[in-house]
C-alpha atoms as a PDB file:
ATOM      1  CA  MET A   1      17.861  97.101 146.290  1.00  0.00           C
ATOM      2  CA  LEU A   2      15.996  96.441 149.541  1.00  0.00           C
ATOM      3  CA  MET A   3      12.813  94.475 148.939  1.00  0.00           C
ATOM      4  CA  THR A   4      10.060  92.770 150.881  1.00  0.00           C
ATOM      5  CA  PHE A   5       9.894  89.004 151.177  1.00  0.00           C
ATOM      6  CA  GLU A   6       6.844  88.972 148.880  1.00  0.00           C
ATOM      7  CA  ALA A   7       8.480  91.061 146.160  1.00  0.00           C
ATOM      8  CA  THR A   8      11.643  88.962 146.311  1.00  0.00           C
ATOM      9  CA  SER A   9       9.654  85.736 146.069  1.00  0.00           C
ATOM     10  CA  LYS A  10       7.879  87.042 142.966  1.00  0.00           C
ATOM     11  CA  LEU A  11      11.196  87.823 141.258  1.00  0.00           C
ATOM     12  CA  ILE A  12      12.339  84.257 141.952  1.00  0.00           C
ATOM     13  CA  GLN A  13       9.075  82.821 140.639  1.00  0.00           C
ATOM     14  CA  ASP A  14       9.438  84.993 137.525  1.00  0.00           C
ATOM     15  CA  GLY A  15      12.735  83.230 136.803  1.00  0.00           C
ATOM     16  CA  LYS A  16      15.095  86.109 137.571  1.00  0.00           C
ATOM     17  CA  LEU A  17      18.771  85.410 138.304  1.00  0.00           C
ATOM     18  CA  LEU A  18      19.456  86.849 141.756  1.00  0.00           C
ATOM     19  CA  HIS A  19      21.830  87.387 144.650  1.00  0.00           C
ATOM     20  CA  ILE A  20      19.943  87.824 147.942  1.00  0.00           C
ATOM     21  CA  ALA A  21      21.074  88.912 151.405  1.00  0.00           C
ATOM     22  CA  GLY A  22      18.903  88.757 154.530  1.00  0.00           C
ATOM     23  CA  THR A  23      18.177  86.855 157.697  1.00  0.00           C
ATOM     24  CA  GLU A  24      18.534  83.097 157.990  1.00  0.00           C
ATOM     25  CA  ALA A  25      14.776  82.873 158.642  1.00  0.00           C
ATOM     26  CA  LEU A  26      13.761  84.815 155.523  1.00  0.00           C
ATOM     27  CA  LEU A  27      16.269  83.097 153.247  1.00  0.00           C
ATOM     28  CA  LYS A  28      15.037  79.660 154.305  1.00  0.00           C
ATOM     29  CA  LYS A  29      11.434  80.564 153.397  1.00  0.00           C
ATOM     30  CA  LEU A  30      12.160  81.765 149.847  1.00  0.00           C
ATOM     31  CA  PRO A  31      11.038  79.594 146.909  1.00  0.00           C
ATOM     32  CA  LYS A  32      13.368  77.512 144.769  1.00  0.00           C
ATOM     33  CA  GLY A  33      14.909  79.296 141.808  1.00  0.00           C
ATOM     34  CA  LYS A  34      17.961  80.845 140.207  1.00  0.00           C
ATOM     35  CA  TRP A  35      19.522  82.509 143.222  1.00  0.00           C
ATOM     36  CA  ILE A  36      22.146  82.331 145.928  1.00  0.00           C
ATOM     37  CA  GLY A  37      21.952  83.987 149.314  1.00  0.00           C
ATOM     38  CA  GLY A  38      23.778  84.808 152.505  1.00  0.00           C
ATOM     39  CA  SER A  39      22.776  85.893 155.995  1.00  0.00           C
ATOM     40  CA  THR A  40      23.071  89.435 157.339  1.00  0.00           C
ATOM     41  CA  GLU A  41      20.754  92.010 158.896  1.00  0.00           C
ATOM     42  CA  TYR A  42      22.971  94.952 157.973  1.00  0.00           C
ATOM     43  CA  PHE A  43      22.602  96.771 154.658  1.00  0.00           C
ATOM     44  CA  MET A  44      23.810  99.835 152.829  1.00  0.00           C
ATOM     45  CA  ALA A  45      20.804 101.138 150.919  1.00  0.00           C
ATOM     46  CA  LYS A  46      20.447 104.172 148.673  1.00  0.00           C
ATOM     47  CA  ASP A  47      18.934 106.143 151.573  1.00  0.00           C
ATOM     48  CA  GLY A  48      21.585 105.061 154.101  1.00  0.00           C
ATOM     49  CA  GLY A  49      22.731 102.267 156.361  1.00  0.00           C
ATOM     50  CA  LYS A  50      19.999 100.031 157.764  1.00  0.00           C
ATOM     51  CA  ILE A  51      19.614  97.178 160.254  1.00  0.00           C
ATOM     52  CA  SER A  52      16.542  95.037 159.584  1.00  0.00           C
ATOM     53  CA  GLY A  53      15.334  91.469 159.851  1.00  0.00           C
ATOM     54  CA  GLU A  54      12.269  92.245 157.755  1.00  0.00           C
ATOM     55  CA  VAL A  55      13.743  93.009 154.320  1.00  0.00           C
ATOM     56  CA  LEU A  56      16.110  91.442 151.801  1.00  0.00           C
ATOM     57  CA  PHE A  57      18.781  93.054 149.661  1.00  0.00           C
ATOM     58  CA  VAL A  58      18.353  91.796 146.104  1.00  0.00           C
ATOM     59  CA  THR A  59      20.731  92.117 143.150  1.00  0.00           C
ATOM     60  CA  GLU A  60      19.494  91.002 139.735  1.00  0.00           C
ATOM     61  CA  PHE A  61      21.821  89.861 136.947  1.00  0.00           C
ATOM     62  CA  PRO A  62      20.953  89.945 133.216  1.00  0.00           C
ATOM     63  CA  TYR A  63      23.163  87.041 132.120  1.00  0.00           C
ATOM     64  CA  GLN A  64      21.931  83.842 130.484  1.00  0.00           C
ATOM     65  CA  ASN A  65      24.844  81.494 131.157  1.00  0.00           C
ATOM     66  CA  PHE A  66      25.456  80.713 134.816  1.00  0.00           C
ATOM     67  CA  ASN A  67      26.197  77.897 137.217  1.00  0.00           C
ATOM     68  CA  ILE A  68      25.430  77.583 140.942  1.00  0.00           C
ATOM     69  CA  LYS A  69      27.715  75.338 142.983  1.00  0.00           C
ATOM     70  CA  SER A  70      28.486  74.675 146.642  1.00  0.00           C
ATOM     71  CA  TYR A  71      31.924  73.955 148.092  1.00  0.00           C
ATOM     72  CA  ASN A  72      33.251  72.571 151.359  1.00  0.00           C
ATOM     73  CA  ALA A  73      36.681  73.163 152.884  1.00  0.00           C
ATOM     74  CA  GLN A  74      38.138  70.261 150.899  1.00  0.00           C
ATOM     75  CA  ASP A  75      37.044  71.415 147.431  1.00  0.00           C
ATOM     76  CA  ILE A  76      36.736  75.232 147.711  1.00  0.00           C
ATOM     77  CA  SER A  77      39.958  75.464 145.685  1.00  0.00           C
ATOM     78  CA  LYS A  78      37.893  74.416 142.647  1.00  0.00           C
ATOM     79  CA  VAL A  79      35.930  77.684 142.708  1.00  0.00           C
ATOM     80  CA  THR A  80      38.448  79.347 140.401  1.00  0.00           C
ATOM     81  CA  VAL A  81      38.540  76.366 138.043  1.00  0.00           C
ATOM     82  CA  ASP A  82      34.743  76.431 137.771  1.00  0.00           C
ATOM     83  CA  SER A  83      34.653  80.160 137.060  1.00  0.00           C
ATOM     84  CA  PHE A  84      34.013  81.309 133.472  1.00  0.00           C
ATOM     85  CA  ASP A  85      36.921  82.729 131.452  1.00  0.00           C
ATOM     86  CA  SER A  86      34.703  85.663 130.546  1.00  0.00           C
ATOM     87  CA  GLY A  87      32.713  86.696 133.586  1.00  0.00           C
ATOM     88  CA  PHE A  88      32.905  86.649 137.366  1.00  0.00           C
ATOM     89  CA  SER A  89      31.998  84.412 140.281  1.00  0.00           C
ATOM     90  CA  LEU A  90      30.036  85.690 143.263  1.00  0.00           C
ATOM     91  CA  LEU A  91      31.051  83.685 146.343  1.00  0.00           C
ATOM     92  CA  ILE A  92      29.345  83.588 149.755  1.00  0.00           C
ATOM     93  CA  ILE A  93      31.084  81.862 152.693  1.00  0.00           C
ATOM     94  CA  PRO A  94      29.603  81.433 156.220  1.00  0.00           C
ATOM     95  CA  PHE A  95      31.571  83.262 158.914  1.00  0.00           C
ATOM     96  CA  ASP A  96      33.870  81.229 161.169  1.00  0.00           C
ATOM     97  CA  SER A  97      33.327  78.000 159.221  1.00  0.00           C
ATOM     98  CA  ALA A  98      36.087  75.613 158.187  1.00  0.00           C
ATOM     99  CA  VAL A  99      35.675  76.715 154.566  1.00  0.00           C
ATOM    100  CA  HIS A 100      36.058  80.358 155.663  1.00  0.00           C
ATOM    101  CA  LYS A 101      39.380  79.598 157.323  1.00  0.00           C
ATOM    102  CA  GLU A 102      40.586  77.455 154.416  1.00  0.00           C
ATOM    103  CA  TYR A 103      39.785  80.147 151.862  1.00  0.00           C
ATOM    104  CA  ALA A 104      41.309  82.928 153.949  1.00  0.00           C
ATOM    105  CA  GLN A 105      44.584  81.111 154.466  1.00  0.00           C
ATOM    106  CA  ASN A 106      45.100  79.433 151.094  1.00  0.00           C
ATOM    107  CA  ALA A 107      43.102  81.166 148.331  1.00  0.00           C
ATOM    108  CA  ALA A 108      46.152  82.961 146.950  1.00  0.00           C
ATOM    109  CA  GLY A 109      47.554  79.598 145.878  1.00  0.00           C
ATOM    110  CA  TYR A 110      44.457  78.303 144.084  1.00  0.00           C
ATOM    111  CA  GLU A 111      44.749  77.508 140.380  1.00  0.00           C
ATOM    112  CA  TYR A 112      43.711  80.471 138.181  1.00  0.00           C
ATOM    113  CA  MET A 113      43.404  82.797 141.190  1.00  0.00           C
ATOM    114  CA  PHE A 114      43.881  86.385 139.913  1.00  0.00           C
ATOM    115  CA  LEU A 115      43.239  85.112 136.350  1.00  0.00           C
ATOM    116  CA  ARG A 116      39.492  84.674 137.022  1.00  0.00           C
ATOM    117  CA  ASN A 117      37.290  87.295 138.652  1.00  0.00           C
ATOM    118  CA  ILE A 118      36.273  86.196 142.162  1.00  0.00           C
ATOM    119  CA  VAL A 119      34.211  88.551 144.327  1.00  0.00           C
ATOM    120  CA  GLY A 120      31.906  88.032 147.285  1.00  0.00           C
ATOM    121  CA  TRP A 121      31.438  88.147 151.019  1.00  0.00           C
ATOM    122  CA  ILE A 122      31.424  86.397 154.355  1.00  0.00           C
ATOM    123  CA  SER A 123      27.879  85.934 155.657  1.00  0.00           C
ATOM    124  CA  GLY A 124      27.082  86.801 159.256  1.00  0.00           C
ATOM    125  CA  LEU A 125      24.345  87.583 161.759  1.00  0.00           C
ATOM    126  CA  ASN A 126      22.890  90.307 163.925  1.00  0.00           C
ATOM    127  CA  LEU A 127      25.456  90.906 166.661  1.00  0.00           C
ATOM    128  CA  SER A 128      22.706  91.880 169.129  1.00  0.00           C
ATOM    129  CA  ILE A 129      20.578  88.751 168.713  1.00  0.00           C
ATOM    130  CA  PRO A 130      21.845  85.438 170.170  1.00  0.00           C
ATOM    131  CA  GLY A 131      21.196  82.085 168.572  1.00  0.00           C
ATOM    132  CA  GLN A 132      21.756  83.048 164.937  1.00  0.00           C
ATOM    133  CA  THR A 133      23.984  81.077 162.579  1.00  0.00           C
ATOM    134  CA  PRO A 134      25.731  82.450 159.486  1.00  0.00           C
ATOM    135  CA  ILE A 135      24.582  80.601 156.368  1.00  0.00           C
ATOM    136  CA  ALA A 136      25.045  80.455 152.609  1.00  0.00           C
ATOM    137  CA  VAL A 137      22.096  79.267 150.509  1.00  0.00           C
ATOM    138  CA  ASN A 138      21.917  77.479 147.173  1.00  0.00           C
ATOM    139  CA  GLY A 139      18.544  78.686 145.931  1.00  0.00           C
ATOM    140  CA  SER A 140      18.430  76.158 143.113  1.00  0.00           C
ATOM    141  CA  THR A 141      18.249  73.317 145.656  1.00  0.00           C
ATOM    142  CA  LEU A 142      17.074  75.266 148.739  1.00  0.00           C
ATOM    143  CA  GLU A 143      20.033  73.923 150.705  1.00  0.00           C
ATOM    144  CA  ALA A 144      21.189  76.239 153.511  1.00  0.00           C
ATOM    145  CA  PHE A 145      24.760  75.629 154.646  1.00  0.00           C
ATOM    146  CA  THR A 146      26.659  76.567 157.778  1.00  0.00           C
ATOM    147  CA  ASP A 147      29.741  74.689 156.589  1.00  0.00           C
ATOM    148  CA  LYS A 148      29.787  75.217 152.811  1.00  0.00           C
ATOM    149  CA  ALA A 149      30.322  78.146 150.491  1.00  0.00           C
ATOM    150  CA  VAL A 150      27.993  78.849 147.582  1.00  0.00           C
ATOM    151  CA  ALA A 151      29.075  80.408 144.295  1.00  0.00           C
ATOM    152  CA  LEU A 152      27.133  81.915 141.425  1.00  0.00           C
ATOM    153  CA  HIS A 153      29.375  81.614 138.367  1.00  0.00           C
ATOM    154  CA  LEU A 154      28.342  84.150 135.727  1.00  0.00           C
ATOM    155  CA  GLN A 155      29.397  84.345 132.094  1.00  0.00           C
ATOM    156  CA  VAL A 156      29.265  87.804 130.530  1.00  0.00           C
ATOM    157  CA  PRO A 157      29.631  88.669 126.827  1.00  0.00           C
ATOM    158  CA  GLU A 158      33.248  88.489 125.698  1.00  0.00           C
ATOM    159  CA  GLU A 159      33.265  92.127 124.581  1.00  0.00           C
ATOM    160  CA  LYS A 160      32.551  93.225 128.160  1.00  0.00           C
ATOM    161  CA  VAL A 161      35.304  94.072 130.649  1.00  0.00           C
ATOM    162  CA  VAL A 162      34.951  92.793 134.218  1.00  0.00           C
ATOM    163  CA  SER A 163      36.830  94.545 137.022  1.00  0.00           C
ATOM    164  CA  VAL A 164      37.037  93.659 140.726  1.00  0.00           C
ATOM    165  CA  ASN A 165      37.687  96.757 142.846  1.00  0.00           C
ATOM    166  CA  ILE A 166      38.495  97.572 146.473  1.00  0.00           C
ATOM    167  CA  ILE A 167      37.801 100.883 148.199  1.00  0.00           C
ATOM    168  CA  ASN A 168      39.988 101.038 151.297  1.00  0.00           C
ATOM    169  CA  ILE A 169      40.095 104.155 153.474  1.00  0.00           C
ATOM    170  CA  PHE A 170      43.032 102.829 155.463  1.00  0.00           C
ATOM    171  CA  GLU A 171      46.744 103.045 154.826  1.00  0.00           C
ATOM    172  CA  GLN A 172      49.830 102.270 156.827  1.00  0.00           C
ATOM    173  CA  ASP A 173      50.889 104.808 159.421  1.00  0.00           C
ATOM    174  CA  THR A 174      54.526 105.169 158.419  1.00  0.00           C
ATOM    175  CA  ALA A 175      55.289 106.533 161.894  1.00  0.00           C
ATOM    176  CA  SER A 176      54.166 103.182 163.311  1.00  0.00           C
ATOM    177  CA  PRO A 177      56.842 100.483 163.784  1.00  0.00           C
ATOM    178  CA  VAL A 178      56.985  97.502 161.448  1.00  0.00           C
ATOM    179  CA  ILE A 179      55.172  94.421 162.767  1.00  0.00           C
ATOM    180  CA  GLU A 180      56.130  90.965 161.471  1.00  0.00           C
ATOM    181  CA  PHE A 181      54.800  87.515 162.292  1.00  0.00           C
ATOM    182  CA  THR A 182      56.556  84.160 162.344  1.00  0.00           C
ATOM    183  CA  GLU A 183      53.252  82.443 163.190  1.00  0.00           C
ATOM    184  CA  GLU A 184      50.480  82.522 160.593  1.00  0.00           C
ATOM    185  CA  GLY A 185      46.719  82.396 160.984  1.00  0.00           C
ATOM    186  CA  PHE A 186      43.742  84.071 162.648  1.00  0.00           C
ATOM    187  CA  SER A 187      45.148  83.928 166.204  1.00  0.00           C
ATOM    188  CA  ILE A 188      48.592  85.151 167.225  1.00  0.00           C
ATOM    189  CA  LYS A 189      50.507  85.403 170.485  1.00  0.00           C
ATOM    190  CA  ASN A 190      53.966  86.625 169.537  1.00  0.00           C
ATOM    191  CA  CYS A 191      55.307  88.960 166.880  1.00  0.00           C
ATOM    192  CA  ARG A 192      58.352  91.083 166.085  1.00  0.00           C
ATOM    193  CA  VAL A 193      58.074  94.847 166.422  1.00  0.00           C
ATOM    194  CA  ASP A 194      60.950  96.569 164.650  1.00  0.00           C
ATOM    195  CA  GLY A 195      62.816  93.278 164.933  1.00  0.00           C
ATOM    196  CA  LYS A 196      62.211  92.761 168.667  1.00  0.00           C
ATOM    197  CA  GLU A 197      60.062  89.792 169.709  1.00  0.00           C
ATOM    198  CA  VAL A 198      57.120  90.758 171.914  1.00  0.00           C
ATOM    199  CA  VAL A 199      53.817  89.371 173.150  1.00  0.00           C
ATOM    200  CA  PHE A 200      51.486  91.205 170.794  1.00  0.00           C
ATOM    201  CA  ALA A 201      48.620  91.582 173.310  1.00  0.00           C
ATOM    202  CA  ASP A 202      51.021  93.149 175.827  1.00  0.00           C
ATOM    203  CA  TYR A 203      52.387  95.504 173.181  1.00  0.00           C
ATOM    204  CA  ILE A 204      48.868  96.626 172.214  1.00  0.00           C
ATOM    205  CA  ALA A 205      48.022  97.339 175.861  1.00  0.00           C
ATOM    206  CA  GLU A 206      51.323  99.091 176.589  1.00  0.00           C
ATOM    207  CA  LYS A 207      51.021 101.396 173.559  1.00  0.00           C
ATOM    208  CA  ALA A 208      47.221 101.876 173.971  1.00  0.00           C
ATOM    209  CA  ILE A 209      46.708 100.903 170.319  1.00  0.00           C
ATOM    210  CA  ASP A 210      43.197 101.525 168.996  1.00  0.00           C
ATOM    211  CA  THR A 211      42.051  98.113 167.787  1.00  0.00           C
ATOM    212  CA  LYS A 212      39.262  99.711 165.759  1.00  0.00           C
ATOM    213  CA  LEU A 213      42.073 100.441 163.332  1.00  0.00           C
ATOM    214  CA  PRO A 214      43.337  97.432 161.339  1.00  0.00           C
ATOM    215  CA  ILE A 215      46.926  96.514 160.795  1.00  0.00           C
ATOM    216  CA  VAL A 216      47.810  97.040 157.144  1.00  0.00           C
ATOM    217  CA  GLY A 217      50.115  94.656 155.289  1.00  0.00           C
ATOM    218  CA  ASP A 218      52.331  95.755 152.435  1.00  0.00           C
ATOM    219  CA  TYR A 219      51.633  93.361 149.557  1.00  0.00           C
ATOM    220  CA  SER A 220      53.986  94.592 146.814  1.00  0.00           C
ATOM    221  CA  GLY A 221      52.903  98.172 147.417  1.00  0.00           C
ATOM    222  CA  ASN A 222      49.209  97.370 147.956  1.00  0.00           C
ATOM    223  CA  GLY A 223      47.757  97.789 151.437  1.00  0.00           C
ATOM    224  CA  VAL A 224      45.684  94.856 152.753  1.00  0.00           C
ATOM    225  CA  ASN A 225      43.771  95.287 156.024  1.00  0.00           C
ATOM    226  CA  ILE A 226      43.751  92.724 158.820  1.00  0.00           C
ATOM    227  CA  SER A 227      41.096  93.670 161.379  1.00  0.00           C
ATOM    228  CA  PHE A 228      41.183  92.939 165.094  1.00  0.00           C
ATOM    229  CA  LYS A 229      38.433  90.649 166.391  1.00  0.00           C
ATOM    230  CA  SER A 230      39.310  90.239 170.082  1.00  0.00           C
ATOM    231  CA  ILE A 231      42.116  89.817 172.605  1.00  0.00           C
ATOM    232  CA  GLU A 232      41.658  86.891 174.965  1.00  0.00           C
ATOM    233  CA  ASN A 233      44.097  85.280 177.421  1.00  0.00           C
ATOM    234  CA  GLY A 234      47.094  86.930 175.808  1.00  0.00           C
ATOM    235  CA  VAL A 235      46.087  85.893 172.279  1.00  0.00           C
ATOM    236  CA  VAL A 236      45.194  88.417 169.556  1.00  0.00           C
ATOM    237  CA  ASN A 237      42.402  87.200 167.265  1.00  0.00           C
ATOM    238  CA  PHE A 238      41.867  88.662 163.790  1.00  0.00           C
ATOM    239  CA  TYR A 239      39.053  88.589 161.208  1.00  0.00           C
ATOM    240  CA  ALA A 240      41.577  87.473 158.575  1.00  0.00           C
ATOM    241  CA  PRO A 241      44.878  85.620 158.822  1.00  0.00           C
ATOM    242  CA  VAL A 242      48.289  87.237 159.052  1.00  0.00           C
ATOM    243  CA  PHE A 243      51.218  85.836 157.084  1.00  0.00           C
ATOM    244  CA  SER A 244      54.953  85.593 157.598  1.00  0.00           C
ATOM    245  CA  GLY A 245      57.133  87.565 155.217  1.00  0.00           C
ATOM    246  CA  ILE A 246      54.708  90.523 155.154  1.00  0.00           C
ATOM    247  CA  LYS A 247      55.522  93.861 156.797  1.00  0.00           C
ATOM    248  CA  TYR A 248      52.533  95.259 158.692  1.00  0.00           C
ATOM    249  CA  ARG A 249      51.937  98.587 160.393  1.00  0.00           C
ATOM    250  CA  ILE A 250      48.995  99.991 162.344  1.00  0.00           C
ATOM    251  CA  ALA A 251      46.680 102.010 160.094  1.00  0.00           C
ATOM    252  CA  LYS A 252      46.529 105.777 160.194  1.00  0.00           C
ATOM    253  CA  ALA A 253      43.700 107.095 162.357  1.00  0.00           C
ATOM    254  CA  VAL A 254      40.504 108.132 160.562  1.00  0.00           C
ATOM    255  CA  SER A 255      38.608 111.126 161.981  1.00  0.00           C
ATOM    256  CA  ASN A 256      35.592 111.083 159.651  1.00  0.00           C
ATOM    257  CA  TYR A 257      34.617 107.654 158.305  1.00  0.00           C
ATOM    258  CA  GLU A 258      31.611 108.862 156.334  1.00  0.00           C
ATOM    259  CA  GLY A 259      33.410 111.805 154.759  1.00  0.00           C
ATOM    260  CA  LEU A 260      36.498 109.813 153.832  1.00  0.00           C
ATOM    261  CA  PHE A 261      34.417 106.970 152.383  1.00  0.00           C
ATOM    262  CA  ASN A 262      32.462 109.379 150.228  1.00  0.00           C
ATOM    263  CA  ALA A 263      35.670 111.062 149.101  1.00  0.00           C
ATOM    264  CA  ARG A 264      37.157 107.724 148.051  1.00  0.00           C
ATOM    265  CA  ILE A 265      33.907 106.622 146.443  1.00  0.00           C
ATOM    266  CA  ALA A 266      33.808 109.865 144.461  1.00  0.00           C
ATOM    267  CA  GLU A 267      36.937 108.614 142.700  1.00  0.00           C
ATOM    268  CA  HIS A 268      34.805 105.705 141.402  1.00  0.00           C
ATOM    269  CA  LYS A 269      31.612 107.669 140.718  1.00  0.00           C
ATOM    270  CA  ASP A 270      31.595 106.998 136.975  1.00  0.00           C
ATOM    271  CA  THR A 271      31.591 103.217 137.473  1.00  0.00           C
ATOM    272  CA  ALA A 272      28.308 101.341 137.865  1.00  0.00           C
ATOM    273  CA  ALA A 273      28.602  98.392 140.240  1.00  0.00           C
ATOM    274  CA  ALA A 274      27.099  95.058 139.221  1.00  0.00           C
ATOM    275  CA  PHE A 275      27.534  94.015 142.866  1.00  0.00           C
ATOM    276  CA  SER A 276      29.001  95.624 145.974  1.00  0.00           C
ATOM    277  CA  CYS A 277      29.393  94.920 149.693  1.00  0.00           C
ATOM    278  CA  ASN A 278      30.797  96.783 152.684  1.00  0.00           C
ATOM    279  CA  CYS A 279      32.362  95.585 155.947  1.00  0.00           C
ATOM    280  CA  ILE A 280      30.489  95.351 159.269  1.00  0.00           C
ATOM    281  CA  LEU A 281      33.420  97.070 161.001  1.00  0.00           C
ATOM    282  CA  ASN A 282      33.101 100.084 158.714  1.00  0.00           C
ATOM    283  CA  PHE A 283      29.378 100.088 159.494  1.00  0.00           C
ATOM    284  CA  LEU A 284      29.882  99.944 163.277  1.00  0.00           C
ATOM    285  CA  TYR A 285      33.001 102.048 163.771  1.00  0.00           C
ATOM    286  CA  GLY A 286      31.920 104.594 161.169  1.00  0.00           C
ATOM    287  CA  GLU A 287      28.414 104.720 162.697  1.00  0.00           C
ATOM    288  CA  LEU A 288      26.953 104.363 159.213  1.00  0.00           C
ATOM    289  CA  GLU A 289      23.397 103.484 160.241  1.00  0.00           C
ATOM    290  CA  HIS A 290      21.111 106.063 158.557  1.00  0.00           C
ATOM    291  CA  LYS A 291      24.155 107.639 156.864  1.00  0.00           C
ATOM    292  CA  LYS A 292      24.501 107.649 153.094  1.00  0.00           C
ATOM    293  CA  ILE A 293      27.488 106.157 151.323  1.00  0.00           C
ATOM    294  CA  GLU A 294      26.847 107.356 147.806  1.00  0.00           C
ATOM    295  CA  ALA A 295      26.807 105.096 144.738  1.00  0.00           C
ATOM    296  CA  PHE A 296      27.367 101.677 146.315  1.00  0.00           C
ATOM    297  CA  ALA A 297      24.524  99.707 147.914  1.00  0.00           C
ATOM    298  CA  GLY A 298      24.629  96.105 149.108  1.00  0.00           C
ATOM    299  CA  PRO A 299      24.971  93.806 152.103  1.00  0.00           C
ATOM    300  CA  ILE A 300      27.084  94.703 155.118  1.00  0.00           C
ATOM    301  CA  THR A 301      29.401  91.757 155.595  1.00  0.00           C
ATOM    302  CA  PHE A 302      31.713  89.923 158.001  1.00  0.00           C
ATOM    303  CA  GLY A 303      34.542  89.928 155.471  1.00  0.00           C
ATOM    304  CA  GLU A 304      34.836  90.806 151.806  1.00  0.00           C
ATOM    305  CA  ILE A 305      36.206  88.775 148.925  1.00  0.00           C
ATOM    306  CA  ALA A 306      38.186  90.448 146.196  1.00  0.00           C
ATOM    307  CA  TYR A 307      40.015  87.372 144.954  1.00  0.00           C
ATOM    308  CA  GLN A 308      41.362  86.873 148.498  1.00  0.00           C
ATOM    309  CA  LEU A 309      39.667  87.644 151.805  1.00  0.00           C
ATOM    310  CA  VAL A 310      39.930  91.309 152.831  1.00  0.00           C
ATOM    311  CA  ASN A 311      38.647  93.317 155.820  1.00  0.00           C
ATOM    312  CA  GLN A 312      37.304  96.813 156.526  1.00  0.00           C
ATOM    313  CA  THR A 313      36.856  97.538 152.834  1.00  0.00           C
ATOM    314  CA  LEU A 314      34.139  98.154 150.287  1.00  0.00           C
ATOM    315  CA  VAL A 315      34.369  95.672 147.395  1.00  0.00           C
ATOM    316  CA  TYR A 316      32.565  95.969 144.087  1.00  0.00           C
ATOM    317  CA  VAL A 317      32.592  94.426 140.637  1.00  0.00           C
ATOM    318  CA  SER A 318      31.916  96.399 137.469  1.00  0.00           C
ATOM    319  CA  VAL A 319      31.015  95.201 133.969  1.00  0.00           C
ATOM    320  CA  SER A 320      31.632  97.727 131.212  1.00  0.00           C
END
């Protein structure tokens, strides 16, 4: 829930185990304790979307066994090894850092990935305020990182069932041509459209493609969004990497973000979320400020983690 700095500090001093989202300035002033944090000024609260540098979003966990660790780009692959067999790991990675790019491009190959429950988000900043830096914070040491990820590894009772879930309002537009990439990564110049090689930026301009819509990759029948970040000097930049061997299409247009989100969320209404987060692009393009997205409250993020990095989704973990 959204809380004041004073109320959050008291929870820490009372020894509560916490995940905290808020501004870099507020996070750096919090006392030492059993918590991890990440930077954002965007939140989905029970009464609607909110932008604020004055409050913190706090999630409390009831578990006794936990471990807080930080990881750089060279050892982030150990996050799955360090995760409990019975439980889940909540991972926060600073946006546009080396560890962000490493995780996005290689997480699928990490040992135990998809056998351990990894959930989390990419920390960010207020897009309207210059001079901010995305951070992840290890509250047990009060270290704030721009270049390291922080994980809260949680062990839950063995009789409990942990589930990592994605709510995605997008799907492939089957009328759209198939897009394939021979290059891989966050920035792409060329691609194949229905087998014909093109300059992707030129193709987007020629077809007047709405870059508020992601491209959606077909991963064995599951749709994974790759969101557009910018187009500069003939290069298309994404918020997540594209991969060769995957067939992508432009997503179907969405006429009512809020309504479609609530319809999809209604399918999950009987599940209580231990943690959830929602993408900044959903927040902006769906104009979700002051609008309610029922059931799921949490930080608005610059990328979501549901095992791998995903975009333009709502991610949550349930314990039942």
